[in-house]
């Protein structure tokens, strides 16, 4: 049997995206070339792996059985490469980092600069998406590590806490002199939150004792930037993480306030598979992430940003 790793990677991409065009784009090849590779794989195996339609493709029953095996094979191949890299005395090669959207825009500029300076031969790939998808992709071997809010509480991963930060209240500019509301009082305001799927939304709801319920007269946004601009327009109030304050509030007419102790907040950390051969190297990366966050915190303090 002459099945190639390239064909298996294209199979995995088509399984993940369910569309030839999107799978080809993600694989950096043309759609006809990907289609041809899938046909050759099916011919080599002697079975049809996908049901094709005009809008999407679906795995056949046999294709679903193959998908799990392919995932295991590709993960083992990737870990073989990781094992070789871990044997070297410095970090080299590809490093695939996942980051959630409420961290990425604020931490990555400093972090990537520091990683590039410290590890010149490191080829860094960044994936920004929501926590559930990061966890799936990390488990599947598509990522080496992920930076997100803890805890994840999955026994398959090593969790390393890096730093904690407060949630900051953002109000319209003309409310700057008003008393800071308690969590109970905040429940009665028009609270603007990130849309479903963001862990920061869940943390804000937990602080307000709202559980998973949608706030009264609440509105959802797709990003912290959208929420802050809505607050500036007088639509409501919102909560943002402390690291986002310098970026998101510089062009909005808003007032900032900290809550009375105990302040709401989150713990940010890094996770990776316990079986990863890069575990020792990833511990070094975690130290750089922590140092980058400390640098940003010092900058906020020196510029009197809340």
Protein backbone atom coordinates (compact mmCIF):
# COMPACT_ATOMS: atom_id res chain seq x y z
CA UNK A 1 0.00 0.00 0.00
CA UNK A 2 1.40 3.37 -1.03
CA UNK A 3 -0.41 5.89 1.20
CA UNK A 4 1.60 9.07 1.79
CA UNK A 5 1.70 11.40 4.77
CA UNK A 6 0.77 14.23 2.42
CA UNK A 7 -2.45 12.44 1.50
CA UNK A 8 -3.25 11.85 5.16
CA UNK A 9 -2.74 15.54 5.96
CA UNK A 10 -5.05 16.52 3.10
CA UNK A 11 -7.59 13.96 4.33
CA UNK A 12 -7.40 15.50 7.82
CA UNK A 13 -7.83 19.02 6.41
CA UNK A 14 -10.88 18.01 4.37
CA UNK A 15 -12.36 16.24 7.39
CA UNK A 16 -11.88 19.34 9.52
CA UNK A 17 -13.22 21.90 7.04
CA UNK A 18 -15.89 19.81 5.25
CA UNK A 19 -15.26 21.76 2.05
CA UNK A 20 -12.69 21.26 -0.71
CA UNK A 21 -12.05 24.97 -1.21
CA UNK A 22 -11.48 25.77 2.46
CA UNK A 23 -9.39 22.63 2.98
CA UNK A 24 -7.23 23.51 -0.02
CA UNK A 25 -6.75 27.06 1.23
CA UNK A 26 -5.76 25.81 4.68
CA UNK A 27 -3.32 23.36 3.07
CA UNK A 28 -1.83 26.01 0.75
CA UNK A 29 -2.54 24.06 -2.43
CA UNK A 30 -5.05 24.37 -5.25
CA UNK A 31 -8.48 22.79 -4.93
CA UNK A 32 -7.96 20.46 -7.97
CA UNK A 33 -4.66 19.27 -6.50
CA UNK A 34 -6.26 18.45 -3.15
CA UNK A 35 -9.17 16.73 -4.85
CA UNK A 36 -6.77 14.60 -6.87
CA UNK A 37 -4.84 13.58 -3.75
CA UNK A 38 -8.06 12.52 -2.03
CA UNK A 39 -9.09 10.48 -5.09
CA UNK A 40 -5.71 8.76 -5.11
CA UNK A 41 -6.03 7.98 -1.40
CA UNK A 42 -9.48 6.48 -1.96
CA UNK A 43 -8.18 4.46 -4.90
CA UNK A 44 -5.25 3.17 -2.82
CA UNK A 45 -7.59 2.12 0.02
CA UNK A 46 -10.24 0.80 -2.37
CA UNK A 47 -13.10 2.60 -0.59
CA UNK A 48 -14.94 5.93 -0.78
CA UNK A 49 -14.04 8.14 2.18
CA UNK A 50 -16.27 11.16 1.51
CA UNK A 51 -19.80 11.81 0.30
CA UNK A 52 -19.61 14.76 -2.09
CA UNK A 53 -22.35 17.35 -2.61
CA UNK A 54 -22.42 20.79 -4.19
CA UNK A 55 -22.04 22.58 -0.84
CA UNK A 56 -20.04 20.27 1.39
CA UNK A 57 -18.45 16.89 1.84
CA UNK A 58 -19.16 14.38 4.60
CA UNK A 59 -17.26 11.37 5.81
CA UNK A 60 -18.71 7.99 4.91
CA UNK A 61 -19.03 5.39 7.63
CA UNK A 62 -15.67 3.93 6.70
CA UNK A 63 -14.24 7.44 6.43
CA UNK A 64 -15.22 8.09 10.05
CA UNK A 65 -13.34 4.96 11.10
CA UNK A 66 -10.30 6.08 9.10
CA UNK A 67 -10.40 9.61 10.55
CA UNK A 68 -9.52 8.46 14.06
CA UNK A 69 -6.61 6.35 12.80
CA UNK A 70 -5.32 9.19 10.62
CA UNK A 71 -5.42 11.58 13.55
CA UNK A 72 -3.36 9.14 15.64
CA UNK A 73 -0.84 8.63 12.84
CA UNK A 74 -0.33 12.35 12.22
CA UNK A 75 -0.03 13.08 15.92
CA UNK A 76 2.64 10.38 16.25
CA UNK A 77 4.56 11.76 13.28
CA UNK A 78 4.43 15.27 14.72
CA UNK A 79 5.57 14.04 18.12
CA UNK A 80 8.49 12.25 16.45
CA UNK A 81 9.60 15.60 15.09
CA UNK A 82 9.03 17.17 18.51
CA UNK A 83 11.17 14.47 20.09
CA UNK A 84 14.03 15.30 17.74
CA UNK A 85 13.71 19.00 18.51
CA UNK A 86 13.61 18.38 22.25
CA UNK A 87 16.95 16.57 22.01
CA UNK A 88 18.63 19.76 20.83
CA UNK A 89 20.10 22.23 23.27
CA UNK A 90 18.00 25.15 22.04
CA UNK A 91 14.53 25.85 20.71
CA UNK A 92 14.39 25.47 16.95
CA UNK A 93 11.80 24.76 14.27
CA UNK A 94 8.06 25.27 14.29
CA UNK A 95 6.19 26.24 17.43
CA UNK A 96 2.38 26.34 17.15
CA UNK A 97 0.83 28.53 19.85
CA UNK A 98 -2.91 28.94 20.39
CA UNK A 99 -4.23 32.06 22.12
CA UNK A 100 -7.76 33.17 23.05
CA UNK A 101 -9.03 36.47 21.55
CA UNK A 102 -9.16 38.33 24.90
CA UNK A 103 -5.41 37.80 25.32
CA UNK A 104 -3.92 37.68 21.82
CA UNK A 105 -4.04 41.38 20.73
CA UNK A 106 -2.57 42.63 23.99
CA UNK A 107 0.09 40.05 24.87
CA UNK A 108 1.29 38.79 21.48
CA UNK A 109 3.19 41.89 20.25
CA UNK A 110 5.46 41.81 23.29
CA UNK A 111 5.61 38.02 23.52
CA UNK A 112 6.48 37.41 19.87
CA UNK A 113 9.17 40.06 19.96
CA UNK A 114 10.77 38.49 23.02
CA UNK A 115 10.57 34.96 21.62
CA UNK A 116 12.19 36.10 18.38
CA UNK A 117 15.00 37.81 20.25
CA UNK A 118 15.67 34.86 22.56
CA UNK A 119 15.18 32.04 20.04
CA UNK A 120 16.31 33.15 16.58
CA UNK A 121 15.66 29.76 14.93
CA UNK A 122 12.09 29.43 16.18
CA UNK A 123 9.36 29.45 13.51
CA UNK A 124 6.31 30.67 15.42
CA UNK A 125 2.78 29.96 14.17
CA UNK A 126 -0.10 31.61 16.06
CA UNK A 127 -3.70 30.41 16.15
CA UNK A 128 -6.27 32.76 17.69
CA UNK A 129 -9.62 31.21 18.52
CA UNK A 130 -11.99 30.37 21.38
CA UNK A 131 -11.06 28.08 24.25
CA UNK A 132 -13.09 24.99 23.23
CA UNK A 133 -11.51 24.94 19.78
CA UNK A 134 -8.01 25.51 21.16
CA UNK A 135 -8.48 22.55 23.49
CA UNK A 136 -9.67 20.32 20.64
CA UNK A 137 -6.80 21.32 18.37
CA UNK A 138 -4.26 20.89 21.13
CA UNK A 139 -5.59 17.43 21.91
CA UNK A 140 -5.47 16.54 18.19
CA UNK A 141 -1.85 17.60 17.90
CA UNK A 142 -2.54 20.63 15.71
CA UNK A 143 -1.08 22.94 18.38
CA UNK A 144 1.92 22.61 20.67
CA UNK A 145 0.53 24.77 23.48
CA UNK A 146 -2.22 27.25 24.26
CA UNK A 147 -2.43 30.45 26.31
CA UNK A 148 -5.86 30.87 27.89
CA UNK A 149 -7.78 31.40 31.11
CA UNK A 150 -7.44 28.68 33.73
CA UNK A 151 -8.55 26.27 34.93
CA UNK A 152 -9.07 23.88 32.04
CA UNK A 153 -9.12 20.85 34.35
CA UNK A 154 -8.37 18.26 31.69
CA UNK A 155 -6.12 15.41 32.89
CA UNK A 156 -4.57 15.15 29.42
CA UNK A 157 -2.92 18.57 29.78
CA UNK A 158 -0.26 20.15 31.91
CA UNK A 159 -1.48 23.51 33.26
CA UNK A 160 0.93 26.25 34.30
CA UNK A 161 -0.49 29.42 35.88
CA UNK A 162 1.36 32.48 34.58
CA UNK A 163 -0.31 35.58 36.00
CA UNK A 164 -3.58 36.96 37.34
CA UNK A 165 -5.32 40.16 36.34
CA UNK A 166 -8.38 42.11 37.40
CA UNK A 167 -11.55 42.85 35.47
CA UNK A 168 -12.05 46.58 34.98
CA UNK A 169 -15.40 48.35 34.75
CA UNK A 170 -15.86 50.48 31.62
CA UNK A 171 -18.62 53.13 31.72
CA UNK A 172 -19.61 56.08 29.53
CA UNK A 173 -17.32 59.04 30.10
CA UNK A 174 -19.95 61.14 31.89
CA UNK A 175 -20.33 58.46 34.59
CA UNK A 176 -16.73 58.69 35.76
CA UNK A 177 -17.60 60.37 39.06
CA UNK A 178 -20.34 57.96 40.05
CA UNK A 179 -19.87 55.31 42.76
CA UNK A 180 -18.59 51.94 41.54
CA UNK A 181 -21.52 49.49 41.49
CA UNK A 182 -21.48 46.26 43.43
CA UNK A 183 -22.00 42.95 41.66
CA UNK A 184 -25.68 43.03 42.69
CA UNK A 185 -26.11 46.56 41.32
CA UNK A 186 -24.30 45.63 38.11
CA UNK A 187 -26.96 43.00 37.42
CA UNK A 188 -29.52 45.81 37.10
CA UNK A 189 -27.52 47.75 34.49
CA UNK A 190 -27.37 47.27 30.75
CA UNK A 191 -24.37 44.97 30.72
CA UNK A 192 -22.58 44.44 27.42
CA UNK A 193 -20.79 41.10 27.08
CA UNK A 194 -18.88 39.05 24.56
CA UNK A 195 -20.96 36.59 22.58
CA UNK A 196 -21.44 32.96 23.59
CA UNK A 197 -18.29 30.85 23.53
CA UNK A 198 -15.90 33.37 25.09
CA UNK A 199 -14.66 32.28 28.51
CA UNK A 200 -14.37 35.94 29.55
CA UNK A 201 -18.14 36.23 29.12
CA UNK A 202 -18.61 33.35 31.55
CA UNK A 203 -16.25 34.97 34.05
CA UNK A 204 -18.17 38.27 33.90
CA UNK A 205 -21.50 36.48 34.33
CA UNK A 206 -20.10 34.58 37.30
CA UNK A 207 -19.04 37.82 38.99
CA UNK A 208 -22.54 39.24 38.56
CA UNK A 209 -24.08 36.00 39.89
CA UNK A 210 -25.98 35.57 36.64
CA UNK A 211 -24.90 31.99 35.91
CA UNK A 212 -25.38 31.18 32.25
CA UNK A 213 -28.37 33.50 31.90
CA UNK A 214 -28.41 36.39 29.48
CA UNK A 215 -28.35 39.73 31.32
CA UNK A 216 -31.51 41.84 31.30
CA UNK A 217 -31.49 44.06 28.22
CA UNK A 218 -27.99 42.78 27.52
CA UNK A 219 -26.20 43.02 24.20
CA UNK A 220 -23.47 40.75 22.86
CA UNK A 221 -20.35 41.80 20.97
CA UNK A 222 -17.81 39.82 18.99
CA UNK A 223 -14.78 41.60 20.46
CA UNK A 224 -13.72 43.73 23.41
CA UNK A 225 -13.14 46.61 20.99
CA UNK A 226 -16.78 46.50 19.91
CA UNK A 227 -17.98 46.46 23.52
CA UNK A 228 -15.86 49.46 24.53
CA UNK A 229 -17.00 51.49 21.54
CA UNK A 230 -20.63 50.67 22.40
CA UNK A 231 -20.01 51.89 25.94
CA UNK A 232 -18.50 55.09 24.55
CA UNK A 233 -21.71 55.61 22.59
CA UNK A 234 -23.68 55.43 25.83
CA UNK A 235 -25.33 52.07 25.20
CA UNK A 236 -24.31 50.38 28.46
CA UNK A 237 -21.35 49.27 30.57
CA UNK A 238 -18.94 46.39 30.22
CA UNK A 239 -16.04 44.57 31.86
CA UNK A 240 -12.65 44.09 30.22
CA UNK A 241 -9.41 42.46 31.39
CA UNK A 242 -6.79 44.81 32.75
CA UNK A 243 -4.32 44.05 29.94
CA UNK A 244 -6.83 45.29 27.36
CA UNK A 245 -7.25 48.75 28.91
CA UNK A 246 -4.42 50.65 27.13
CA UNK A 247 -5.40 49.35 23.69
CA UNK A 248 -9.19 49.41 23.85
CA UNK A 249 -9.83 52.67 25.71
CA UNK A 250 -7.41 55.03 23.98
CA UNK A 251 -9.92 56.13 21.33
CA UNK A 252 -13.19 55.79 23.25
CA UNK A 253 -14.99 58.31 25.45
CA UNK A 254 -15.22 56.05 28.49
CA UNK A 255 -14.46 56.10 32.21
CA UNK A 256 -12.64 53.29 33.99
CA UNK A 257 -13.08 52.03 37.53
CA UNK A 258 -11.85 49.17 39.67
CA UNK A 259 -14.18 47.20 41.87
CA UNK A 260 -13.81 47.04 45.62
CA UNK A 261 -11.92 43.98 46.93
CA UNK A 262 -12.19 41.17 46.29
CA UNK A 263 -11.88 42.28 42.66
CA UNK A 264 -13.19 40.02 39.91
CA UNK A 265 -10.43 38.66 37.75
CA UNK A 266 -8.96 35.74 35.90
CA UNK A 267 -5.85 33.57 35.96
CA UNK A 268 -4.03 33.25 32.65
CA UNK A 269 -1.90 30.21 32.00
CA UNK A 270 -0.41 27.92 29.40
CA UNK A 271 -1.32 24.31 28.73
CA UNK A 272 0.18 21.51 26.66
CA UNK A 273 -0.26 17.78 26.27
CA UNK A 274 1.30 15.77 29.08
CA UNK A 275 2.68 13.40 26.44
CA UNK A 276 4.42 16.17 24.48
CA UNK A 277 8.17 15.59 24.04
CA UNK A 278 8.53 19.39 24.08
CA UNK A 279 7.39 19.69 27.70
CA UNK A 280 10.75 20.97 28.97
CA UNK A 281 11.00 23.50 26.14
CA UNK A 282 7.41 24.61 26.66
CA UNK A 283 8.21 25.34 30.29
CA UNK A 284 10.84 27.77 28.97
CA UNK A 285 8.23 29.35 26.68
CA UNK A 286 5.89 29.73 29.66
CA UNK A 287 8.61 31.69 31.46
CA UNK A 288 8.84 34.07 28.49
CA UNK A 289 5.06 34.52 28.51
CA UNK A 290 5.18 35.36 32.22
CA UNK A 291 8.02 37.84 31.70
CA UNK A 292 6.13 39.48 28.81
CA UNK A 293 3.05 39.94 31.00
CA UNK A 294 5.20 41.41 33.79
CA UNK A 295 6.68 43.86 31.29
CA UNK A 296 3.22 44.98 30.15
CA UNK A 297 2.10 45.39 33.76
CA UNK A 298 5.14 47.59 34.48
CA UNK A 299 4.38 49.72 31.44
CA UNK A 300 0.78 50.25 32.62
CA UNK A 301 2.02 51.28 36.04
CA UNK A 302 4.56 53.75 34.62
CA UNK A 303 1.95 55.44 32.43
CA UNK A 304 -0.70 55.60 35.18
CA UNK A 305 -3.09 53.42 33.21
CA UNK A 306 -5.61 51.83 35.55
